[in-house]
Amino acid sequence: MTKNKIKSEPTKTVLVITVGLLIVFMVTHWQPALISSMLIGIAGIFSQYLAIKIDFLWMKLTWVLSLIVPNILLSIVFYTMLTPIALLSRVFSKKDELFLKNTSPSLFKEYNKTFDKESFKNPW
C-alpha cells in the first residue's frame, strides 16, 4: 500500500505565514509579529532554499499540533458536556437499567417457562 504524500508549495506556505503574522500584528500591535513577517517574507522571496526550509518547519509544526490539539479538544468536550450530562442522568434516573446497584441477593432472574424444541430454533 502506498502512502499519498501531500505536495506543498513553499512559496504559498511562506505567503500564508507572512499574511498570518501581519494579521496578528494588525490585531494586537505586537511588534515581533511584524518583524517576523517581514523576515520570513523576504527570506521566502529571495531564497528558494530558505522557502523550502521554512515550509519544512511549518509542516513539522502542523504535524506536532495535529497530535496534541485533538486530544485537548476532545478532553474539553468530554469534561464540559458529557460528564455533566452523565451526572444529571445518574441523579435524576429512577430505574437502574444495567443493574449496577445490586439491591437483591442475586442477579439471576427466574423465568417460569417451559422450553421445547421450538424455543431453540432461530434464537435471534
PDB file of N, CA and C in Angstrom:
ATOM      1  N   MET A   1       0.847  -1.169   0.000  1.00  0.00           N
ATOM      2  CA  MET A   1       0.000   0.000   0.000  1.00  0.00           C
ATOM      3  C   MET A   1       0.895   1.235   0.000  1.00  0.00           C
ATOM      4  N   THR A   2       0.658   2.127  -0.909  1.00  0.00           N
ATOM      5  CA  THR A   2       1.462   3.343  -0.993  1.00  0.00           C
ATOM      6  C   THR A   2       0.780   4.469  -0.241  1.00  0.00           C
ATOM      7  N   LYS A   3       1.594   5.268   0.361  1.00  0.00           N
ATOM      8  CA  LYS A   3       1.070   6.401   1.123  1.00  0.00           C
ATOM      9  C   LYS A   3       1.140   7.643   0.246  1.00  0.00           C
ATOM     10  N   ASN A   4       0.019   8.327   0.119  1.00  0.00           N
ATOM     11  CA  ASN A   4      -0.010   9.553  -0.683  1.00  0.00           C
ATOM     12  C   ASN A   4       0.625  10.685   0.116  1.00  0.00           C
ATOM     13  N   LYS A   5       1.642  11.287  -0.444  1.00  0.00           N
ATOM     14  CA  LYS A   5       2.277  12.433   0.195  1.00  0.00           C
ATOM     15  C   LYS A   5       1.638  13.703  -0.337  1.00  0.00           C
ATOM     16  N   ILE A   6       1.346  14.590   0.559  1.00  0.00           N
ATOM     17  CA  ILE A   6       0.782  15.870   0.157  1.00  0.00           C
ATOM     18  C   ILE A   6       1.936  16.760  -0.278  1.00  0.00           C
ATOM     19  N   LYS A   7       1.863  17.226  -1.484  1.00  0.00           N
ATOM     20  CA  LYS A   7       2.911  18.093  -2.032  1.00  0.00           C
ATOM     21  C   LYS A   7       2.563  19.528  -1.662  1.00  0.00           C
ATOM     22  N   SER A   8       3.425  20.150  -0.889  1.00  0.00           N
ATOM     23  CA  SER A   8       3.180  21.536  -0.507  1.00  0.00           C
ATOM     24  C   SER A   8       4.015  22.453  -1.389  1.00  0.00           C
ATOM     25  N   GLU A   9       3.567  23.667  -1.487  1.00  0.00           N
ATOM     26  CA  GLU A   9       4.281  24.672  -2.275  1.00  0.00           C
ATOM     27  C   GLU A   9       4.915  25.665  -1.307  1.00  0.00           C
ATOM     28  N   PRO A  10       6.237  25.683  -1.245  1.00  0.00           N
ATOM     29  CA  PRO A  10       6.925  26.522  -0.255  1.00  0.00           C
ATOM     30  C   PRO A  10       6.604  28.006  -0.361  1.00  0.00           C
ATOM     31  N   THR A  11       6.453  28.528  -1.573  1.00  0.00           N
ATOM     32  CA  THR A  11       6.184  29.968  -1.690  1.00  0.00           C
ATOM     33  C   THR A  11       4.804  30.313  -1.141  1.00  0.00           C
ATOM     34  N   LYS A  12       3.834  29.437  -1.377  1.00  0.00           N
ATOM     35  CA  LYS A  12       2.496  29.692  -0.822  1.00  0.00           C
ATOM     36  C   LYS A  12       2.506  29.573   0.698  1.00  0.00           C
ATOM     37  N   THR A  13       3.267  28.618   1.211  1.00  0.00           N
ATOM     38  CA  THR A  13       3.364  28.471   2.662  1.00  0.00           C
ATOM     39  C   THR A  13       3.978  29.711   3.293  1.00  0.00           C
ATOM     40  N   VAL A  14       5.043  30.224   2.687  1.00  0.00           N
ATOM     41  CA  VAL A  14       5.688  31.440   3.195  1.00  0.00           C
ATOM     42  C   VAL A  14       4.718  32.613   3.126  1.00  0.00           C
ATOM     43  N   LEU A  15       3.958  32.701   2.049  1.00  0.00           N
ATOM     44  CA  LEU A  15       2.977  33.782   1.918  1.00  0.00           C
ATOM     45  C   LEU A  15       1.908  33.693   3.002  1.00  0.00           C
ATOM     46  N   VAL A  16       1.421  32.495   3.271  1.00  0.00           N
ATOM     47  CA  VAL A  16       0.394  32.317   4.306  1.00  0.00           C
ATOM     48  C   VAL A  16       0.942  32.688   5.680  1.00  0.00           C
ATOM     49  N   ILE A  17       2.156  32.265   5.984  1.00  0.00           N
ATOM     50  CA  ILE A  17       2.764  32.611   7.275  1.00  0.00           C
ATOM     51  C   ILE A  17       2.934  34.121   7.395  1.00  0.00           C
ATOM     52  N   THR A  18       3.386  34.756   6.327  1.00  0.00           N
ATOM     53  CA  THR A  18       3.589  36.206   6.329  1.00  0.00           C
ATOM     54  C   THR A  18       2.278  36.945   6.548  1.00  0.00           C
ATOM     55  N   VAL A  19       1.257  36.555   5.816  1.00  0.00           N
ATOM     56  CA  VAL A  19      -0.049  37.217   5.967  1.00  0.00           C
ATOM     57  C   VAL A  19      -0.621  36.961   7.358  1.00  0.00           C
ATOM     58  N   GLY A  20      -0.456  35.754   7.868  1.00  0.00           N
ATOM     59  CA  GLY A  20      -0.939  35.452   9.212  1.00  0.00           C
ATOM     60  C   GLY A  20      -0.270  36.300  10.272  1.00  0.00           C
ATOM     61  N   LEU A  21       1.034  36.460  10.163  1.00  0.00           N
ATOM     62  CA  LEU A  21       1.738  37.306  11.124  1.00  0.00           C
ATOM     63  C   LEU A  21       1.355  38.776  10.977  1.00  0.00           C
ATOM     64  N   LEU A  22       1.090  39.222   9.749  1.00  0.00           N
ATOM     65  CA  LEU A  22       0.621  40.602   9.560  1.00  0.00           C
ATOM     66  C   LEU A  22      -0.749  40.811  10.197  1.00  0.00           C
ATOM     67  N   ILE A  23      -1.620  39.829  10.087  1.00  0.00           N
ATOM     68  CA  ILE A  23      -2.942  39.937  10.727  1.00  0.00           C
ATOM     69  C   ILE A  23      -2.784  39.978  12.243  1.00  0.00           C
ATOM     70  N   VAL A  24      -1.879  39.142  12.781  1.00  0.00           N
ATOM     71  CA  VAL A  24      -1.617  39.180  14.223  1.00  0.00           C
ATOM     72  C   VAL A  24      -1.123  40.563  14.628  1.00  0.00           C
ATOM     73  N   PHE A  25      -0.243  41.153  13.829  1.00  0.00           N
ATOM     74  CA  PHE A  25       0.262  42.494  14.141  1.00  0.00           C
ATOM     75  C   PHE A  25      -0.860  43.530  14.089  1.00  0.00           C
ATOM     76  N   MET A  26      -1.718  43.451  13.071  1.00  0.00           N
ATOM     77  CA  MET A  26      -2.791  44.446  12.938  1.00  0.00           C
ATOM     78  C   MET A  26      -3.795  44.348  14.080  1.00  0.00           C
ATOM     79  N   VAL A  27      -4.021  43.156  14.590  1.00  0.00           N
ATOM     80  CA  VAL A  27      -4.994  42.988  15.674  1.00  0.00           C
ATOM     81  C   VAL A  27      -4.383  43.360  17.026  1.00  0.00           C
ATOM     82  N   THR A  28      -3.142  42.927  17.262  1.00  0.00           N
ATOM     83  CA  THR A  28      -2.565  43.094  18.601  1.00  0.00           C
ATOM     84  C   THR A  28      -1.507  44.184  18.704  1.00  0.00           C
ATOM     85  N   HIS A  29      -1.030  44.702  17.578  1.00  0.00           N
ATOM     86  CA  HIS A  29       0.058  45.684  17.545  1.00  0.00           C
ATOM     87  C   HIS A  29       1.303  45.155  18.250  1.00  0.00           C
ATOM     88  N   TRP A  30       1.551  43.862  18.081  1.00  0.00           N
ATOM     89  CA  TRP A  30       2.711  43.196  18.660  1.00  0.00           C
ATOM     90  C   TRP A  30       3.861  43.298  17.671  1.00  0.00           C
ATOM     91  N   GLN A  31       4.871  44.055  18.015  1.00  0.00           N
ATOM     92  CA  GLN A  31       5.968  44.382  17.103  1.00  0.00           C
ATOM     93  C   GLN A  31       6.735  43.159  16.589  1.00  0.00           C
ATOM     94  N   PRO A  32       7.025  42.137  17.407  1.00  0.00           N
ATOM     95  CA  PRO A  32       7.746  40.969  16.881  1.00  0.00           C
ATOM     96  C   PRO A  32       6.994  40.245  15.755  1.00  0.00           C
ATOM     97  N   ALA A  33       5.685  40.327  15.731  1.00  0.00           N
ATOM     98  CA  ALA A  33       4.928  39.702  14.640  1.00  0.00           C
ATOM     99  C   ALA A  33       5.215  40.403  13.323  1.00  0.00           C
ATOM    100  N   LEU A  34       5.316  41.727  13.347  1.00  0.00           N
ATOM    101  CA  LEU A  34       5.626  42.481  12.131  1.00  0.00           C
ATOM    102  C   LEU A  34       7.045  42.188  11.656  1.00  0.00           C
ATOM    103  N   ILE A  35       7.979  42.168  12.583  1.00  0.00           N
ATOM    104  CA  ILE A  35       9.374  41.896  12.215  1.00  0.00           C
ATOM    105  C   ILE A  35       9.516  40.475  11.668  1.00  0.00           C
ATOM    106  N   SER A  36       8.886  39.507  12.329  1.00  0.00           N
ATOM    107  CA  SER A  36       8.940  38.119  11.850  1.00  0.00           C
ATOM    108  C   SER A  36       8.298  37.981  10.488  1.00  0.00           C
ATOM    109  N   SER A  37       7.196  38.671  10.292  1.00  0.00           N
ATOM    110  CA  SER A  37       6.518  38.629   8.997  1.00  0.00           C
ATOM    111  C   SER A  37       7.421  39.152   7.893  1.00  0.00           C
ATOM    112  N   MET A  38       8.083  40.262   8.157  1.00  0.00           N
ATOM    113  CA  MET A  38       8.970  40.835   7.144  1.00  0.00           C
ATOM    114  C   MET A  38      10.167  39.923   6.876  1.00  0.00           C
ATOM    115  N   LEU A  39      10.764  39.370   7.918  1.00  0.00           N
ATOM    116  CA  LEU A  39      11.924  38.492   7.734  1.00  0.00           C
ATOM    117  C   LEU A  39      11.559  37.217   6.971  1.00  0.00           C
ATOM    118  N   ILE A  40      10.445  36.600   7.332  1.00  0.00           N
ATOM    119  CA  ILE A  40      10.023  35.372   6.649  1.00  0.00           C
ATOM    120  C   ILE A  40       9.643  35.669   5.207  1.00  0.00           C
ATOM    121  N   GLY A  41       8.954  36.777   4.988  1.00  0.00           N
ATOM    122  CA  GLY A  41       8.577  37.146   3.622  1.00  0.00           C
ATOM    123  C   GLY A  41       9.777  37.421   2.739  1.00  0.00           C
ATOM    124  N   ILE A  42      10.734  38.174   3.247  1.00  0.00           N
ATOM    125  CA  ILE A  42      11.938  38.488   2.462  1.00  0.00           C
ATOM    126  C   ILE A  42      12.762  37.223   2.209  1.00  0.00           C
ATOM    127  N   ALA A  43      12.888  36.372   3.233  1.00  0.00           N
ATOM    128  CA  ALA A  43      13.644  35.125   3.054  1.00  0.00           C
ATOM    129  C   ALA A  43      12.978  34.225   2.022  1.00  0.00           C
ATOM    130  N   GLY A  44      11.650  34.168   2.031  1.00  0.00           N
ATOM    131  CA  GLY A  44      10.936  33.326   1.077  1.00  0.00           C
ATOM    132  C   GLY A  44      10.990  33.848  -0.340  1.00  0.00           C
ATOM    133  N   ILE A  45      11.059  35.161  -0.495  1.00  0.00           N
ATOM    134  CA  ILE A  45      11.114  35.750  -1.842  1.00  0.00           C
ATOM    135  C   ILE A  45      12.490  35.554  -2.465  1.00  0.00           C
ATOM    136  N   PHE A  46      13.544  35.812  -1.703  1.00  0.00           N
ATOM    137  CA  PHE A  46      14.883  35.846  -2.281  1.00  0.00           C
ATOM    138  C   PHE A  46      15.620  34.508  -2.277  1.00  0.00           C
ATOM    139  N   SER A  47      15.171  33.546  -1.495  1.00  0.00           N
ATOM    140  CA  SER A  47      15.890  32.275  -1.431  1.00  0.00           C
ATOM    141  C   SER A  47      14.904  31.114  -1.472  1.00  0.00           C
ATOM    142  N   GLN A  48      14.970  30.338  -2.524  1.00  0.00           N
ATOM    143  CA  GLN A  48      14.117  29.152  -2.634  1.00  0.00           C
ATOM    144  C   GLN A  48      14.517  28.123  -1.577  1.00  0.00           C
ATOM    145  N   TYR A  49      15.806  28.030  -1.281  1.00  0.00           N
ATOM    146  CA  TYR A  49      16.299  27.110  -0.260  1.00  0.00           C
ATOM    147  C   TYR A  49      15.675  27.433   1.099  1.00  0.00           C
ATOM    148  N   LEU A  50      15.677  28.712   1.485  1.00  0.00           N
ATOM    149  CA  LEU A  50      15.071  29.107   2.761  1.00  0.00           C
ATOM    150  C   LEU A  50      13.561  28.902   2.751  1.00  0.00           C
ATOM    151  N   ALA A  51      12.929  29.132   1.599  1.00  0.00           N
ATOM    152  CA  ALA A  51      11.486  28.899   1.499  1.00  0.00           C
ATOM    153  C   ALA A  51      11.164  27.427   1.736  1.00  0.00           C
ATOM    154  N   ILE A  52      11.990  26.540   1.190  1.00  0.00           N
ATOM    155  CA  ILE A  52      11.774  25.104   1.393  1.00  0.00           C
ATOM    156  C   ILE A  52      11.986  24.737   2.859  1.00  0.00           C
ATOM    157  N   LYS A  53      12.993  25.312   3.488  1.00  0.00           N
ATOM    158  CA  LYS A  53      13.257  25.036   4.906  1.00  0.00           C
ATOM    159  C   LYS A  53      12.130  25.580   5.796  1.00  0.00           C
ATOM    160  N   ILE A  54      11.634  26.764   5.493  1.00  0.00           N
ATOM    161  CA  ILE A  54      10.514  27.334   6.250  1.00  0.00           C
ATOM    162  C   ILE A  54       9.278  26.457   6.077  1.00  0.00           C
ATOM    163  N   ASP A  55       9.043  25.998   4.856  1.00  0.00           N
ATOM    164  CA  ASP A  55       7.911  25.113   4.579  1.00  0.00           C
ATOM    165  C   ASP A  55       8.052  23.808   5.362  1.00  0.00           C
ATOM    166  N   PHE A  56       9.260  23.245   5.389  1.00  0.00           N
ATOM    167  CA  PHE A  56       9.500  22.002   6.123  1.00  0.00           C
ATOM    168  C   PHE A  56       9.211  22.192   7.611  1.00  0.00           C
ATOM    169  N   LEU A  57       9.724  23.277   8.194  1.00  0.00           N
ATOM    170  CA  LEU A  57       9.481  23.547   9.612  1.00  0.00           C
ATOM    171  C   LEU A  57       8.002  23.777   9.902  1.00  0.00           C
ATOM    172  N   TRP A  58       7.323  24.466   8.994  1.00  0.00           N
ATOM    173  CA  TRP A  58       5.895  24.734   9.169  1.00  0.00           C
ATOM    174  C   TRP A  58       5.092  23.431   9.127  1.00  0.00           C
ATOM    175  N   MET A  59       5.439  22.538   8.203  1.00  0.00           N
ATOM    176  CA  MET A  59       4.736  21.259   8.103  1.00  0.00           C
ATOM    177  C   MET A  59       4.997  20.389   9.327  1.00  0.00           C
ATOM    178  N   LYS A  60       6.210  20.429   9.857  1.00  0.00           N
ATOM    179  CA  LYS A  60       6.508  19.677  11.081  1.00  0.00           C
ATOM    180  C   LYS A  60       5.732  20.244  12.270  1.00  0.00           C
ATOM    181  N   LEU A  61       5.631  21.566  12.346  1.00  0.00           N
ATOM    182  CA  LEU A  61       4.858  22.191  13.416  1.00  0.00           C
ATOM    183  C   LEU A  61       3.387  21.784  13.327  1.00  0.00           C
ATOM    184  N   THR A  62       2.840  21.791  12.124  1.00  0.00           N
ATOM    185  CA  THR A  62       1.433  21.390  11.975  1.00  0.00           C
ATOM    186  C   THR A  62       1.242  19.922  12.305  1.00  0.00           C
ATOM    187  N   TRP A  63       2.230  19.080  12.005  1.00  0.00           N
ATOM    188  CA  TRP A  63       2.131  17.663  12.342  1.00  0.00           C
ATOM    189  C   TRP A  63       2.116  17.470  13.864  1.00  0.00           C
ATOM    190  N   VAL A  64       2.997  18.190  14.571  1.00  0.00           N
ATOM    191  CA  VAL A  64       3.038  18.089  16.031  1.00  0.00           C
ATOM    192  C   VAL A  64       1.724  18.596  16.631  1.00  0.00           C
ATOM    193  N   LEU A  65       1.217  19.699  16.110  1.00  0.00           N
ATOM    194  CA  LEU A  65      -0.053  20.232  16.616  1.00  0.00           C
ATOM    195  C   LEU A  65      -1.212  19.282  16.341  1.00  0.00           C
ATOM    196  N   SER A  66      -1.141  18.542  15.227  1.00  0.00           N
ATOM    197  CA  SER A  66      -2.219  17.592  14.927  1.00  0.00           C
ATOM    198  C   SER A  66      -2.224  16.425  15.902  1.00  0.00           C
ATOM    199  N   LEU A  67      -1.120  16.188  16.574  1.00  0.00           N
ATOM    200  CA  LEU A  67      -1.079  15.147  17.593  1.00  0.00           C
ATOM    201  C   LEU A  67      -1.593  15.641  18.940  1.00  0.00           C
ATOM    202  N   ILE A  68      -1.474  16.932  19.192  1.00  0.00           N
ATOM    203  CA  ILE A  68      -1.798  17.483  20.506  1.00  0.00           C
ATOM    204  C   ILE A  68      -3.216  18.052  20.566  1.00  0.00           C
ATOM    205  N   VAL A  69      -3.585  18.863  19.609  1.00  0.00           N
ATOM    206  CA  VAL A  69      -4.831  19.632  19.668  1.00  0.00           C
ATOM    207  C   VAL A  69      -6.086  18.752  19.717  1.00  0.00           C
ATOM    208  N   PRO A  70      -6.216  17.683  18.921  1.00  0.00           N
ATOM    209  CA  PRO A  70      -7.442  16.885  19.025  1.00  0.00           C
ATOM    210  C   PRO A  70      -7.659  16.301  20.413  1.00  0.00           C
ATOM    211  N   ASN A  71      -6.586  15.901  21.085  1.00  0.00           N
ATOM    212  CA  ASN A  71      -6.729  15.373  22.439  1.00  0.00           C
ATOM    213  C   ASN A  71      -7.235  16.445  23.400  1.00  0.00           C
ATOM    214  N   ILE A  72      -6.745  17.647  23.242  1.00  0.00           N
ATOM    215  CA  ILE A  72      -7.192  18.741  24.101  1.00  0.00           C
ATOM    216  C   ILE A  72      -8.662  19.052  23.834  1.00  0.00           C
ATOM    217  N   LEU A  73      -9.042  19.133  22.562  1.00  0.00           N
ATOM    218  CA  LEU A  73     -10.434  19.437  22.226  1.00  0.00           C
ATOM    219  C   LEU A  73     -11.381  18.349  22.710  1.00  0.00           C
ATOM    220  N   LEU A  74     -11.009  17.087  22.526  1.00  0.00           N
ATOM    221  CA  LEU A  74     -11.867  16.002  22.991  1.00  0.00           C
ATOM    222  C   LEU A  74     -11.972  15.989  24.512  1.00  0.00           C
ATOM    223  N   SER A  75     -10.905  16.326  25.204  1.00  0.00           N
ATOM    224  CA  SER A  75     -10.961  16.405  26.665  1.00  0.00           C
ATOM    225  C   SER A  75     -11.895  17.521  27.114  1.00  0.00           C
ATOM    226  N   ILE A  76     -11.824  18.655  26.448  1.00  0.00           N
ATOM    227  CA  ILE A  76     -12.713  19.771  26.792  1.00  0.00           C
ATOM    228  C   ILE A  76     -14.165  19.382  26.567  1.00  0.00           C
ATOM    229  N   VAL A  77     -14.457  18.763  25.435  1.00  0.00           N
ATOM    230  CA  VAL A  77     -15.833  18.327  25.151  1.00  0.00           C
ATOM    231  C   VAL A  77     -16.282  17.309  26.189  1.00  0.00           C
ATOM    232  N   PHE A  78     -15.423  16.369  26.536  1.00  0.00           N
ATOM    233  CA  PHE A  78     -15.794  15.333  27.494  1.00  0.00           C
ATOM    234  C   PHE A  78     -16.125  15.932  28.854  1.00  0.00           C
ATOM    235  N   TYR A  79     -15.251  16.799  29.355  1.00  0.00           N
ATOM    236  CA  TYR A  79     -15.447  17.317  30.705  1.00  0.00           C
ATOM    237  C   TYR A  79     -16.475  18.432  30.786  1.00  0.00           C
ATOM    238  N   THR A  80     -16.729  19.156  29.712  1.00  0.00           N
ATOM    239  CA  THR A  80     -17.705  20.243  29.787  1.00  0.00           C
ATOM    240  C   THR A  80     -19.100  19.827  29.354  1.00  0.00           C
ATOM    241  N   MET A  81     -19.213  18.786  28.539  1.00  0.00           N
ATOM    242  CA  MET A  81     -20.536  18.409  28.037  1.00  0.00           C
ATOM    243  C   MET A  81     -20.963  17.025  28.514  1.00  0.00           C
ATOM    244  N   LEU A  82     -20.150  16.017  28.269  1.00  0.00           N
ATOM    245  CA  LEU A  82     -20.584  14.653  28.535  1.00  0.00           C
ATOM    246  C   LEU A  82     -20.629  14.313  30.023  1.00  0.00           C
ATOM    247  N   THR A  83     -19.663  14.768  30.783  1.00  0.00           N
ATOM    248  CA  THR A  83     -19.660  14.467  32.209  1.00  0.00           C
ATOM    249  C   THR A  83     -20.850  15.091  32.936  1.00  0.00           C
ATOM    250  N   PRO A  84     -21.198  16.368  32.721  1.00  0.00           N
ATOM    251  CA  PRO A  84     -22.391  16.903  33.388  1.00  0.00           C
ATOM    252  C   PRO A  84     -23.682  16.192  32.969  1.00  0.00           C
ATOM    253  N   ILE A  85     -23.786  15.826  31.706  1.00  0.00           N
ATOM    254  CA  ILE A  85     -24.980  15.103  31.256  1.00  0.00           C
ATOM    255  C   ILE A  85     -25.068  13.751  31.948  1.00  0.00           C
ATOM    256  N   ALA A  86     -23.946  13.053  32.075  1.00  0.00           N
ATOM    257  CA  ALA A  86     -23.942  11.750  32.738  1.00  0.00           C
ATOM    258  C   ALA A  86     -24.288  11.887  34.220  1.00  0.00           C
ATOM    259  N   LEU A  87     -23.759  12.920  34.864  1.00  0.00           N
ATOM    260  CA  LEU A  87     -24.071  13.120  36.279  1.00  0.00           C
ATOM    261  C   LEU A  87     -25.541  13.463  36.483  1.00  0.00           C
ATOM    262  N   LEU A  88     -26.084  14.318  35.633  1.00  0.00           N
ATOM    263  CA  LEU A  88     -27.511  14.644  35.732  1.00  0.00           C
ATOM    264  C   LEU A  88     -28.373  13.419  35.458  1.00  0.00           C
ATOM    265  N   SER A  89     -27.980  12.629  34.511  1.00  0.00           N
ATOM    266  CA  SER A  89     -28.723  11.411  34.210  1.00  0.00           C
ATOM    267  C   SER A  89     -28.697  10.456  35.396  1.00  0.00           C
ATOM    268  N   ARG A  90     -27.563  10.360  36.037  1.00  0.00           N
ATOM    269  CA  ARG A  90     -27.456   9.461  37.184  1.00  0.00           C
ATOM    270  C   ARG A  90     -28.279   9.973  38.363  1.00  0.00           C
ATOM    271  N   VAL A  91     -28.320  11.278  38.549  1.00  0.00           N
ATOM    272  CA  VAL A  91     -29.062  11.847  39.673  1.00  0.00           C
ATOM    273  C   VAL A  91     -30.569  11.711  39.465  1.00  0.00           C
ATOM    274  N   PHE A  92     -31.045  11.973  38.253  1.00  0.00           N
ATOM    275  CA  PHE A  92     -32.483  12.027  38.019  1.00  0.00           C
ATOM    276  C   PHE A  92     -33.091  10.735  37.483  1.00  0.00           C
ATOM    277  N   SER A  93     -32.301   9.722  37.200  1.00  0.00           N
ATOM    278  CA  SER A  93     -32.892   8.476  36.710  1.00  0.00           C
ATOM    279  C   SER A  93     -33.356   7.644  37.895  1.00  0.00           C
ATOM    280  N   LYS A  94     -34.491   6.989  37.703  1.00  0.00           N
ATOM    281  CA  LYS A  94     -35.068   6.210  38.784  1.00  0.00           C
ATOM    282  C   LYS A  94     -34.769   4.729  38.635  1.00  0.00           C
ATOM    283  N   LYS A  95     -34.697   4.260  37.403  1.00  0.00           N
ATOM    284  CA  LYS A  95     -34.511   2.841  37.172  1.00  0.00           C
ATOM    285  C   LYS A  95     -33.043   2.555  36.868  1.00  0.00           C
ATOM    286  N   ASP A  96     -32.542   1.492  37.448  1.00  0.00           N
ATOM    287  CA  ASP A  96     -31.170   1.060  37.199  1.00  0.00           C
ATOM    288  C   ASP A  96     -31.187   0.099  36.017  1.00  0.00           C
ATOM    289  N   GLU A  97     -30.972   0.645  34.823  1.00  0.00           N
ATOM    290  CA  GLU A  97     -31.101  -0.145  33.593  1.00  0.00           C
ATOM    291  C   GLU A  97     -30.075  -1.270  33.509  1.00  0.00           C
ATOM    292  N   LEU A  98     -28.867  -1.030  33.952  1.00  0.00           N
ATOM    293  CA  LEU A  98     -27.800  -2.021  33.821  1.00  0.00           C
ATOM    294  C   LEU A  98     -27.611  -2.854  35.087  1.00  0.00           C
ATOM    295  N   PHE A  99     -28.468  -2.670  36.061  1.00  0.00           N
ATOM    296  CA  PHE A  99     -28.389  -3.373  37.340  1.00  0.00           C
ATOM    297  C   PHE A  99     -27.027  -3.168  38.002  1.00  0.00           C
ATOM    298  N   LEU A 100     -26.589  -1.929  38.014  1.00  0.00           N
ATOM    299  CA  LEU A 100     -25.309  -1.614  38.626  1.00  0.00           C
ATOM    300  C   LEU A 100     -25.416  -1.535  40.148  1.00  0.00           C
ATOM    301  N   LYS A 101     -26.596  -1.194  40.636  1.00  0.00           N
ATOM    302  CA  LYS A 101     -26.820  -1.156  42.075  1.00  0.00           C
ATOM    303  C   LYS A 101     -27.443  -2.496  42.470  1.00  0.00           C
ATOM    304  N   ASN A 102     -26.685  -3.313  43.135  1.00  0.00           N
ATOM    305  CA  ASN A 102     -27.137  -4.652  43.490  1.00  0.00           C
ATOM    306  C   ASN A 102     -28.013  -4.578  44.733  1.00  0.00           C
ATOM    307  N   THR A 103     -29.327  -4.547  44.532  1.00  0.00           N
ATOM    308  CA  THR A 103     -30.255  -4.452  45.659  1.00  0.00           C
ATOM    309  C   THR A 103     -30.838  -5.798  46.044  1.00  0.00           C
ATOM    310  N   SER A 104     -30.667  -6.808  45.218  1.00  0.00           N
ATOM    311  CA  SER A 104     -31.192  -8.141  45.527  1.00  0.00           C
ATOM    312  C   SER A 104     -30.023  -9.081  45.822  1.00  0.00           C
ATOM    313  N   PRO A 105     -30.310 -10.201  46.477  1.00  0.00           N
ATOM    314  CA  PRO A 105     -29.211 -11.123  46.797  1.00  0.00           C
ATOM    315  C   PRO A 105     -28.585 -11.783  45.568  1.00  0.00           C
ATOM    316  N   SER A 106     -29.324 -11.822  44.458  1.00  0.00           N
ATOM    317  CA  SER A 106     -28.800 -12.463  43.255  1.00  0.00           C
ATOM    318  C   SER A 106     -29.172 -11.638  42.030  1.00  0.00           C
ATOM    319  N   LEU A 107     -28.332 -11.712  41.020  1.00  0.00           N
ATOM    320  CA  LEU A 107     -28.621 -11.016  39.774  1.00  0.00           C
ATOM    321  C   LEU A 107     -29.349 -11.904  38.772  1.00  0.00           C
ATOM    322  N   PHE A 108     -29.544 -13.161  39.122  1.00  0.00           N
ATOM    323  CA  PHE A 108     -30.269 -14.063  38.232  1.00  0.00           C
ATOM    324  C   PHE A 108     -31.755 -13.770  38.298  1.00  0.00           C
ATOM    325  N   LYS A 109     -32.419 -13.905  37.171  1.00  0.00           N
ATOM    326  CA  LYS A 109     -33.865 -13.741  37.120  1.00  0.00           C
ATOM    327  C   LYS A 109     -34.490 -15.102  36.853  1.00  0.00           C
ATOM    328  N   GLU A 110     -35.570 -15.357  37.511  1.00  0.00           N
ATOM    329  CA  GLU A 110     -36.260 -16.627  37.307  1.00  0.00           C
ATOM    330  C   GLU A 110     -37.335 -16.460  36.251  1.00  0.00           C
ATOM    331  N   TYR A 111     -37.317 -17.354  35.296  1.00  0.00           N
ATOM    332  CA  TYR A 111     -38.354 -17.394  34.274  1.00  0.00           C
ATOM    333  C   TYR A 111     -39.048 -18.741  34.381  1.00  0.00           C
ATOM    334  N   ASN A 112     -40.290 -18.702  34.696  1.00  0.00           N
ATOM    335  CA  ASN A 112     -41.072 -19.929  34.785  1.00  0.00           C
ATOM    336  C   ASN A 112     -41.675 -20.209  33.427  1.00  0.00           C
ATOM    337  N   LYS A 113     -40.864 -20.783  32.576  1.00  0.00           N
ATOM    338  CA  LYS A 113     -41.292 -21.061  31.215  1.00  0.00           C
ATOM    339  C   LYS A 113     -40.807 -22.458  30.862  1.00  0.00           C
ATOM    340  N   THR A 114     -41.637 -23.167  30.179  1.00  0.00           N
ATOM    341  CA  THR A 114     -41.218 -24.490  29.716  1.00  0.00           C
ATOM    342  C   THR A 114     -40.581 -24.336  28.347  1.00  0.00           C
ATOM    343  N   PHE A 115     -39.420 -24.894  28.202  1.00  0.00           N
ATOM    344  CA  PHE A 115     -38.688 -24.812  26.944  1.00  0.00           C
ATOM    345  C   PHE A 115     -38.940 -26.071  26.135  1.00  0.00           C
ATOM    346  N   ASP A 116     -39.285 -25.871  24.895  1.00  0.00           N
ATOM    347  CA  ASP A 116     -39.472 -27.005  23.995  1.00  0.00           C
ATOM    348  C   ASP A 116     -38.508 -26.879  22.818  1.00  0.00           C
ATOM    349  N   LYS A 117     -38.668 -27.744  21.843  1.00  0.00           N
ATOM    350  CA  LYS A 117     -37.759 -27.778  20.700  1.00  0.00           C
ATOM    351  C   LYS A 117     -37.821 -26.477  19.896  1.00  0.00           C
ATOM    352  N   GLU A 118     -38.961 -25.868  19.785  1.00  0.00           N
ATOM    353  CA  GLU A 118     -39.146 -24.632  19.012  1.00  0.00           C
ATOM    354  C   GLU A 118     -38.452 -23.435  19.666  1.00  0.00           C
ATOM    355  N   SER A 119     -38.224 -23.491  20.956  1.00  0.00           N
ATOM    356  CA  SER A 119     -37.578 -22.376  21.652  1.00  0.00           C
ATOM    357  C   SER A 119     -36.137 -22.178  21.201  1.00  0.00           C
ATOM    358  N   PHE A 120     -35.503 -23.256  20.743  1.00  0.00           N
ATOM    359  CA  PHE A 120     -34.092 -23.186  20.378  1.00  0.00           C
ATOM    360  C   PHE A 120     -33.862 -22.952  18.898  1.00  0.00           C
ATOM    361  N   LYS A 121     -34.926 -22.864  18.112  1.00  0.00           N
ATOM    362  CA  LYS A 121     -34.791 -22.543  16.691  1.00  0.00           C
ATOM    363  C   LYS A 121     -34.837 -21.032  16.534  1.00  0.00           C
ATOM    364  N   ASN A 122     -33.952 -20.513  15.718  1.00  0.00           N
ATOM    365  CA  ASN A 122     -33.860 -19.069  15.460  1.00  0.00           C
ATOM    366  C   ASN A 122     -33.837 -18.262  16.764  1.00  0.00           C
ATOM    367  N   PRO A 123     -32.789 -18.371  17.536  1.00  0.00           N
ATOM    368  CA  PRO A 123     -32.748 -17.672  18.820  1.00  0.00           C
ATOM    369  C   PRO A 123     -32.706 -16.156  18.701  1.00  0.00           C
ATOM    370  N   TRP A 124     -32.431 -15.684  17.522  1.00  0.00           N
ATOM    371  CA  TRP A 124     -32.379 -14.234  17.376  1.00  0.00           C
ATOM    372  C   TRP A 124     -33.752 -13.705  17.147  1.00  0.00           C
TER     373      TRP A 124
END
